[in-house]
Amino acid sequence: MVTWGILSCTTMLVRTATSFYLVRFLLGVAEAGFLPGMIFYLTHWIPVRERARVFALFLTSTALAGVVGAPVSAALLRLHGMGGLAGWQWLFLIEGLPAVVLGVTTFLYLPDRPSHARWLGAAERVWLEGTLTLERQDLERAQPLSLLQALTHGRVWRLCVLYFSIIISFYGVAFWLPQIVQAFSGLSNTAASLVSGLPYVGASIAMVIVARHSDRVGERPRHVAVPAFTAAAGLLLGALVQRHPLLAFLALCCAAAGIWSTLGPFWSLPTTFLSGIAGAGGIALINSVGNVAGFVGPTVMGLLKQRTQGFETGLVVLAGTLLVAGALALSVPEGDGRS
């Protein structure tokens, strides 16, 4: 987090395309460990039956950032000229600093395990550590996996492809949503940015509701598949009704809710058969493969927009990737990891 924040601040100093690409590459290197690290960290605290809800609560940050980020960024851009800096330079400087501060705070104050948590009572620490230890032992007895076995495991790679299919649409929508809204609504840049935050509000609520239900019934694959199919339907509808702004916007809200709702149940899937170093490596591999889609999704949307002069074809392609994701989710078994 500290390196990530520093590099984000450093972006204010770029002057050439080469320096821009270099800083962005290093930013990706710094960011890479955060999500898998957090998912793995939470497995040291949260029993299996509660994980979808907790993962979803943690990942609401990715949706709420879309709500907060747009107006904050718009306000920072208005600082243009202050202190001799451009508005975009103020944006990178101020938005990079919280990661540095929170990274140091996390290192100093966040305990590694329940046994180190002073805010838990003794009985609570014993119960939670005992529950997590039993779950870990059950996994290891069912099929102990080494790091190499986890990295070559068929189900891990199926989850890699599934996550890749989700993240194509995740970033394809997240990067282009303001422009899509502006294209069918005719709103100004500022107004489109503000309106584009509303789908993320709905997504934050929906992803927690879906994850809670997943925990309550103890099922994961269908709780990934149904939101993926719902999001695909939303994107297809959004592509078909671009001439009807309100309907198109509601369709995008449905799509965002579906995409983000896959995340809590999805990240619960690898923790049902991976633990220890195999869990850390497997989760990191899934995230790494998925993040390649973070380049593919926005790029495909941009190329199709350039070729067709509209977003309809891109939305249809993103919908197709979500249909693939839903089908893959239904093919993923739950359990001890033998398949």
Protein backbone atom coordinates (compact mmCIF):
# COMPACT_ATOMS: atom_id res chain seq x y z
CA MET A 1 0.00 0.00 0.00
CA VAL A 2 2.83 2.40 0.83
CA THR A 3 4.66 1.78 -2.45
CA TRP A 4 1.34 1.91 -4.32
CA GLY A 5 0.54 5.31 -2.81
CA ILE A 6 4.01 6.73 -3.45
CA LEU A 7 3.90 5.66 -7.11
CA SER A 8 0.44 7.15 -7.49
CA CYS A 9 1.78 10.45 -6.16
CA THR A 10 4.80 10.14 -8.46
CA THR A 11 2.48 10.15 -11.46
CA MET A 12 2.21 13.92 -10.98
CA LEU A 13 5.85 14.17 -12.14
CA VAL A 14 5.50 12.38 -15.48
CA ARG A 15 6.41 14.45 -18.53
CA THR A 16 6.74 11.90 -21.34
CA ALA A 17 4.86 8.87 -22.58
CA THR A 18 7.78 6.65 -21.54
CA SER A 19 7.78 7.93 -17.96
CA PHE A 20 4.00 7.55 -17.82
CA TYR A 21 4.11 3.92 -18.96
CA LEU A 22 6.96 3.16 -16.55
CA VAL A 23 5.14 4.60 -13.53
CA ARG A 24 1.90 2.84 -14.47
CA PHE A 25 3.75 -0.48 -14.83
CA LEU A 26 5.39 -0.07 -11.43
CA LEU A 27 2.02 0.93 -9.96
CA GLY A 28 0.61 -2.37 -11.16
CA VAL A 29 3.53 -4.26 -9.61
CA ALA A 30 2.93 -2.50 -6.29
CA GLU A 31 -0.83 -3.04 -6.38
CA ALA A 32 -0.64 -6.71 -7.37
CA GLY A 33 -0.31 -8.18 -3.89
CA PHE A 34 -3.04 -6.18 -2.21
CA LEU A 35 -6.26 -8.01 -3.15
CA PRO A 36 -4.96 -11.60 -2.86
CA GLY A 37 -3.20 -10.60 0.35
CA MET A 38 -6.41 -9.23 1.83
CA ILE A 39 -8.48 -12.25 0.76
CA PHE A 40 -5.89 -14.59 2.29
CA TYR A 41 -5.67 -12.42 5.42
CA LEU A 42 -9.43 -12.61 5.95
CA THR A 43 -9.30 -16.43 5.82
CA HIS A 44 -7.24 -16.19 9.04
CA TRP A 45 -10.18 -14.50 10.74
CA ILE A 46 -13.46 -15.59 9.16
CA PRO A 47 -14.96 -19.11 9.28
CA VAL A 48 -15.95 -20.63 5.92
CA ARG A 49 -19.69 -20.20 6.44
CA GLU A 50 -19.32 -16.41 6.87
CA ARG A 51 -16.81 -15.63 4.13
CA ALA A 52 -19.00 -14.57 1.20
CA ARG A 53 -20.62 -11.83 3.29
CA VAL A 54 -17.30 -10.60 4.70
CA PHE A 55 -15.57 -10.69 1.31
CA ALA A 56 -18.50 -8.75 -0.16
CA LEU A 57 -18.37 -6.15 2.62
CA PHE A 58 -14.64 -5.70 2.00
CA LEU A 59 -15.15 -5.48 -1.77
CA THR A 60 -17.89 -2.87 -1.51
CA SER A 61 -14.86 -0.56 -1.40
CA THR A 62 -14.39 -1.15 -5.14
CA ALA A 63 -17.96 0.01 -5.80
CA LEU A 64 -18.07 2.85 -3.28
CA ALA A 65 -14.82 4.21 -4.71
CA GLY A 66 -16.80 4.82 -7.89
CA VAL A 67 -19.34 6.84 -5.88
CA VAL A 68 -16.78 8.93 -3.99
CA GLY A 69 -14.02 9.09 -6.57
CA ALA A 70 -15.87 11.00 -9.30
CA PRO A 71 -16.93 14.08 -7.29
CA VAL A 72 -13.65 14.17 -5.34
CA SER A 73 -11.62 13.98 -8.53
CA ALA A 74 -13.76 16.67 -10.16
CA ALA A 75 -13.15 18.94 -7.15
CA LEU A 76 -9.39 18.32 -7.20
CA LEU A 77 -9.18 19.16 -10.90
CA ARG A 78 -10.52 22.60 -10.02
CA LEU A 79 -7.29 23.27 -8.09
CA HIS A 80 -5.60 23.86 -11.45
CA GLY A 81 -2.89 26.50 -11.09
CA MET A 82 -2.71 26.44 -7.30
CA GLY A 83 0.89 26.21 -6.12
CA GLY A 84 2.03 26.09 -9.73
CA LEU A 85 0.54 22.61 -10.23
CA ALA A 86 -2.03 21.47 -12.76
CA GLY A 87 -5.33 20.06 -11.52
CA TRP A 88 -4.41 16.52 -12.58
CA GLN A 89 -1.18 16.80 -10.57
CA TRP A 90 -3.13 17.74 -7.42
CA LEU A 91 -5.42 14.78 -8.10
CA PHE A 92 -2.59 12.21 -8.15
CA LEU A 93 -0.82 13.78 -5.19
CA ILE A 94 -3.83 13.99 -2.86
CA GLU A 95 -5.42 10.68 -3.88
CA GLY A 96 -2.12 8.82 -3.50
CA LEU A 97 -1.40 9.97 0.06
CA PRO A 98 -4.17 8.01 1.88
CA ALA A 99 -2.68 4.69 0.71
CA VAL A 100 0.68 5.68 2.22
CA VAL A 101 -0.87 6.70 5.56
CA LEU A 102 -3.15 3.66 5.76
CA GLY A 103 -0.33 1.33 4.73
CA VAL A 104 1.78 2.46 7.68
CA THR A 105 -1.25 2.32 9.99
CA THR A 106 -2.09 -1.20 8.83
CA PHE A 107 1.45 -2.42 9.43
CA LEU A 108 1.57 -0.99 12.95
CA TYR A 109 -1.92 -1.71 14.24
CA LEU A 110 -3.62 -4.53 12.30
CA PRO A 111 -3.11 -7.86 14.12
CA ASP A 112 -2.15 -10.91 12.09
CA ARG A 113 -4.51 -13.39 13.73
CA PRO A 114 -7.34 -13.50 16.28
CA SER A 115 -4.86 -14.64 18.94
CA HIS A 116 -3.16 -11.23 18.62
CA ALA A 117 -6.38 -9.19 18.81
CA ARG A 118 -6.57 -7.24 22.05
CA TRP A 119 -10.14 -6.18 21.31
CA LEU A 120 -11.36 -9.81 21.49
CA GLY A 121 -12.07 -11.45 24.82
CA ALA A 122 -10.06 -14.53 25.80
CA ALA A 123 -13.00 -16.86 25.19
CA GLU A 124 -13.66 -15.26 21.80
CA ARG A 125 -10.04 -15.69 20.75
CA VAL A 126 -10.01 -19.35 21.79
CA TRP A 127 -13.30 -20.10 20.01
CA LEU A 128 -12.34 -18.35 16.78
CA GLU A 129 -8.83 -19.81 16.61
CA GLY A 130 -10.22 -23.27 17.39
CA THR A 131 -12.90 -23.03 14.70
CA LEU A 132 -10.44 -21.87 12.04
CA THR A 133 -7.89 -24.53 13.02
CA LEU A 134 -10.48 -27.31 12.70
CA GLU A 135 -11.54 -26.04 9.29
CA ARG A 136 -7.94 -25.89 8.14
CA GLN A 137 -7.26 -29.41 9.40
CA ASP A 138 -10.36 -30.74 7.62
CA LEU A 139 -9.14 -29.23 4.34
CA GLU A 140 -5.65 -30.66 4.75
CA ARG A 141 -7.00 -34.12 5.60
CA ALA A 142 -9.33 -34.13 2.58
CA GLN A 143 -6.53 -33.37 0.13
CA PRO A 144 -3.33 -31.66 1.27
CA LEU A 145 -1.92 -29.49 -1.51
CA SER A 146 1.56 -28.07 -1.89
CA LEU A 147 2.13 -24.68 -3.51
CA LEU A 148 3.10 -26.33 -6.82
CA GLN A 149 0.04 -28.58 -6.73
CA ALA A 150 -2.19 -25.57 -6.10
CA LEU A 151 -0.66 -23.62 -9.00
CA THR A 152 -1.27 -26.54 -11.39
CA HIS A 153 -4.63 -27.64 -9.97
CA GLY A 154 -7.43 -27.98 -12.52
CA ARG A 155 -10.03 -26.26 -10.35
CA VAL A 156 -7.69 -23.34 -9.65
CA TRP A 157 -7.26 -22.78 -13.39
CA ARG A 158 -11.00 -23.07 -13.94
CA LEU A 159 -11.42 -20.32 -11.37
CA CYS A 160 -8.71 -18.31 -13.17
CA VAL A 161 -10.72 -18.41 -16.40
CA LEU A 162 -13.96 -17.69 -14.52
CA TYR A 163 -12.45 -14.66 -12.79
CA PHE A 164 -10.94 -13.47 -16.08
CA SER A 165 -14.42 -13.59 -17.64
CA ILE A 166 -15.88 -11.54 -14.77
CA ILE A 167 -13.09 -8.95 -14.67
CA ILE A 168 -13.32 -8.19 -18.40
CA SER A 169 -16.78 -6.76 -17.79
CA PHE A 170 -15.86 -5.37 -14.35
CA TYR A 171 -13.18 -3.07 -15.78
CA GLY A 172 -14.88 -2.64 -19.14
CA VAL A 173 -17.83 -1.07 -17.33
CA ALA A 174 -15.84 0.73 -14.62
CA PHE A 175 -13.49 2.50 -17.06
CA TRP A 176 -16.10 3.48 -19.63
CA LEU A 177 -19.26 4.06 -17.57
CA PRO A 178 -19.10 7.90 -17.52
CA GLN A 179 -18.57 8.01 -21.30
CA ILE A 180 -21.38 5.49 -21.88
CA VAL A 181 -23.74 7.54 -19.73
CA GLN A 182 -22.72 10.74 -21.49
CA ALA A 183 -23.22 9.15 -24.92
CA PHE A 184 -26.88 8.22 -24.38
CA SER A 185 -27.82 11.10 -22.07
CA GLY A 186 -26.04 14.11 -23.56
CA LEU A 187 -24.99 15.27 -20.08
CA SER A 188 -21.89 17.36 -19.45
CA ASN A 189 -18.67 15.70 -18.30
CA THR A 190 -19.25 16.67 -14.67
CA ALA A 191 -22.91 15.67 -14.64
CA ALA A 192 -22.18 12.34 -16.35
CA SER A 193 -19.45 11.60 -13.79
CA LEU A 194 -21.80 12.29 -10.90
CA VAL A 195 -24.68 10.26 -12.35
CA SER A 196 -22.26 7.39 -13.05
CA GLY A 197 -21.78 6.99 -9.31
CA LEU A 198 -25.37 5.85 -8.78
CA PRO A 199 -24.98 2.33 -10.26
CA TYR A 200 -22.20 1.71 -7.73
CA VAL A 201 -24.53 2.54 -4.85
CA GLY A 202 -26.93 -0.15 -6.04
CA ALA A 203 -24.03 -2.53 -6.63
CA SER A 204 -22.78 -2.06 -3.05
CA ILE A 205 -26.18 -2.98 -1.65
CA ALA A 206 -26.83 -5.88 -4.02
CA MET A 207 -23.45 -7.55 -3.49
CA VAL A 208 -23.95 -7.72 0.28
CA ILE A 209 -27.50 -9.09 -0.08
CA VAL A 210 -26.37 -11.80 -2.50
CA ALA A 211 -23.39 -12.73 -0.32
CA ARG A 212 -25.55 -12.95 2.81
CA HIS A 213 -27.90 -15.31 1.03
CA SER A 214 -24.95 -17.37 -0.21
CA ASP A 215 -23.70 -17.75 3.37
CA ARG A 216 -27.17 -18.54 4.70
CA VAL A 217 -27.81 -21.41 2.27
CA GLY A 218 -24.14 -22.50 2.11
CA GLU A 219 -23.93 -22.40 -1.70
CA ARG A 220 -21.42 -20.56 -3.94
CA PRO A 221 -21.45 -21.45 -7.68
CA ARG A 222 -25.08 -20.51 -8.36
CA HIS A 223 -24.57 -17.29 -6.39
CA VAL A 224 -21.84 -16.42 -8.89
CA ALA A 225 -23.75 -17.63 -11.96
CA VAL A 226 -27.10 -15.93 -11.38
CA PRO A 227 -25.60 -12.43 -10.86
CA ALA A 228 -23.39 -12.99 -13.93
CA PHE A 229 -26.41 -13.88 -16.06
CA THR A 230 -28.31 -10.93 -14.62
CA ALA A 231 -25.44 -8.58 -15.48
CA ALA A 232 -25.28 -10.00 -19.01
CA ALA A 233 -28.99 -9.29 -19.45
CA GLY A 234 -28.47 -5.73 -18.17
CA LEU A 235 -25.64 -5.08 -20.63
CA LEU A 236 -27.60 -6.52 -23.55
CA LEU A 237 -30.61 -4.39 -22.68
CA GLY A 238 -28.36 -1.36 -22.29
CA ALA A 239 -27.01 -1.96 -25.78
CA LEU A 240 -30.50 -2.19 -27.27
CA VAL A 241 -32.10 0.86 -25.66
CA GLN A 242 -29.44 3.55 -26.06
CA ARG A 243 -32.10 5.89 -27.48
CA HIS A 244 -34.07 5.68 -24.22
CA PRO A 245 -31.75 7.24 -21.61
CA LEU A 246 -33.67 6.29 -18.45
CA LEU A 247 -34.13 2.67 -19.51
CA ALA A 248 -30.50 2.44 -20.62
CA PHE A 249 -29.34 3.84 -17.28
CA LEU A 250 -31.48 1.37 -15.30
CA ALA A 251 -30.07 -1.45 -17.43
CA LEU A 252 -26.52 -0.35 -16.55
CA CYS A 253 -27.49 -0.23 -12.85
CA CYS A 254 -28.70 -3.83 -13.15
CA ALA A 255 -25.47 -4.80 -14.91
CA ALA A 256 -23.27 -3.17 -12.25
CA ALA A 257 -25.25 -4.84 -9.44
CA GLY A 258 -24.83 -8.22 -11.12
CA ILE A 259 -21.11 -7.87 -11.84
CA TRP A 260 -20.19 -6.75 -8.33
CA SER A 261 -22.49 -9.35 -6.73
CA THR A 262 -20.39 -12.17 -8.17
CA LEU A 263 -17.35 -11.16 -6.13
CA GLY A 264 -18.21 -12.25 -2.56
CA PRO A 265 -19.35 -15.78 -3.48
CA PHE A 266 -16.55 -16.11 -6.05
CA TRP A 267 -13.72 -15.41 -3.60
CA SER A 268 -15.28 -17.90 -1.20
CA LEU A 269 -14.80 -20.70 -3.76
CA PRO A 270 -10.99 -21.11 -3.62
CA THR A 271 -11.06 -21.04 0.18
CA THR A 272 -13.26 -24.15 0.20
CA PHE A 273 -10.34 -26.34 -0.96
CA LEU A 274 -7.16 -24.28 -0.51
CA SER A 275 -5.42 -23.35 2.72
CA GLY A 276 -1.99 -22.32 4.00
CA ILE A 277 0.69 -21.63 1.41
CA ALA A 278 -1.41 -23.39 -1.25
CA GLY A 279 -4.21 -20.95 -0.48
CA ALA A 280 -1.92 -17.93 -0.69
CA GLY A 281 -0.42 -19.06 -4.00
CA GLY A 282 -3.70 -20.20 -5.53
CA ILE A 283 -5.54 -16.99 -4.65
CA ALA A 284 -2.63 -14.91 -6.00
CA LEU A 285 -2.62 -16.89 -9.27
CA ILE A 286 -6.37 -16.44 -9.74
CA ASN A 287 -6.06 -12.71 -9.12
CA SER A 288 -3.06 -12.39 -11.46
CA VAL A 289 -4.79 -14.09 -14.37
CA GLY A 290 -7.97 -12.15 -13.70
CA ASN A 291 -6.17 -8.83 -13.65
CA VAL A 292 -4.96 -9.38 -17.21
CA ALA A 293 -8.62 -8.88 -18.09
CA GLY A 294 -8.32 -5.45 -16.49
CA PHE A 295 -6.28 -4.55 -19.57
CA VAL A 296 -8.37 -6.55 -22.04
CA GLY A 297 -11.83 -5.26 -21.07
CA PRO A 298 -11.24 -1.49 -21.37
CA THR A 299 -9.07 -1.97 -24.46
CA VAL A 300 -11.71 -4.01 -26.28
CA MET A 301 -14.36 -1.45 -25.38
CA GLY A 302 -12.14 1.36 -26.68
CA LEU A 303 -11.33 -0.39 -29.95
CA LEU A 304 -14.97 -1.25 -30.61
CA LYS A 305 -16.02 2.30 -29.75
CA GLN A 306 -13.46 3.64 -32.22
CA ARG A 307 -14.56 1.25 -34.95
CA THR A 308 -18.34 1.54 -34.54
CA GLN A 309 -18.63 5.08 -33.12
CA GLY A 310 -20.86 3.71 -30.36
CA PHE A 311 -20.83 1.53 -27.24
CA GLU A 312 -23.49 -0.97 -28.28
CA THR A 313 -21.12 -3.60 -29.73
CA GLY A 314 -18.80 -3.34 -26.75
CA LEU A 315 -21.66 -3.88 -24.31
CA VAL A 316 -22.75 -6.97 -26.24
CA VAL A 317 -19.20 -8.37 -26.10
CA LEU A 318 -19.02 -7.76 -22.33
CA ALA A 319 -22.38 -9.49 -21.95
CA GLY A 320 -20.96 -12.49 -23.79
CA THR A 321 -18.04 -12.77 -21.36
CA LEU A 322 -20.51 -12.76 -18.46
CA LEU A 323 -22.50 -15.57 -20.05
CA VAL A 324 -19.25 -17.54 -20.21
CA ALA A 325 -18.57 -16.67 -16.56
CA GLY A 326 -22.01 -17.87 -15.50
CA ALA A 327 -21.60 -21.17 -17.36
CA LEU A 328 -18.14 -21.71 -15.86
CA ALA A 329 -19.43 -20.96 -12.36
CA LEU A 330 -22.08 -23.67 -12.70
CA SER A 331 -19.34 -26.14 -13.69
CA VAL A 332 -17.22 -25.49 -10.58
CA PRO A 333 -17.68 -28.15 -7.88
CA GLU A 334 -17.57 -27.28 -4.23
CA GLY A 335 -15.84 -29.41 -1.65
CA ASP A 336 -12.46 -30.89 -0.95
CA GLY A 337 -10.75 -30.09 -4.26
CA ARG A 338 -10.41 -33.56 -5.78
CA SER A 339 -11.66 -32.29 -9.16
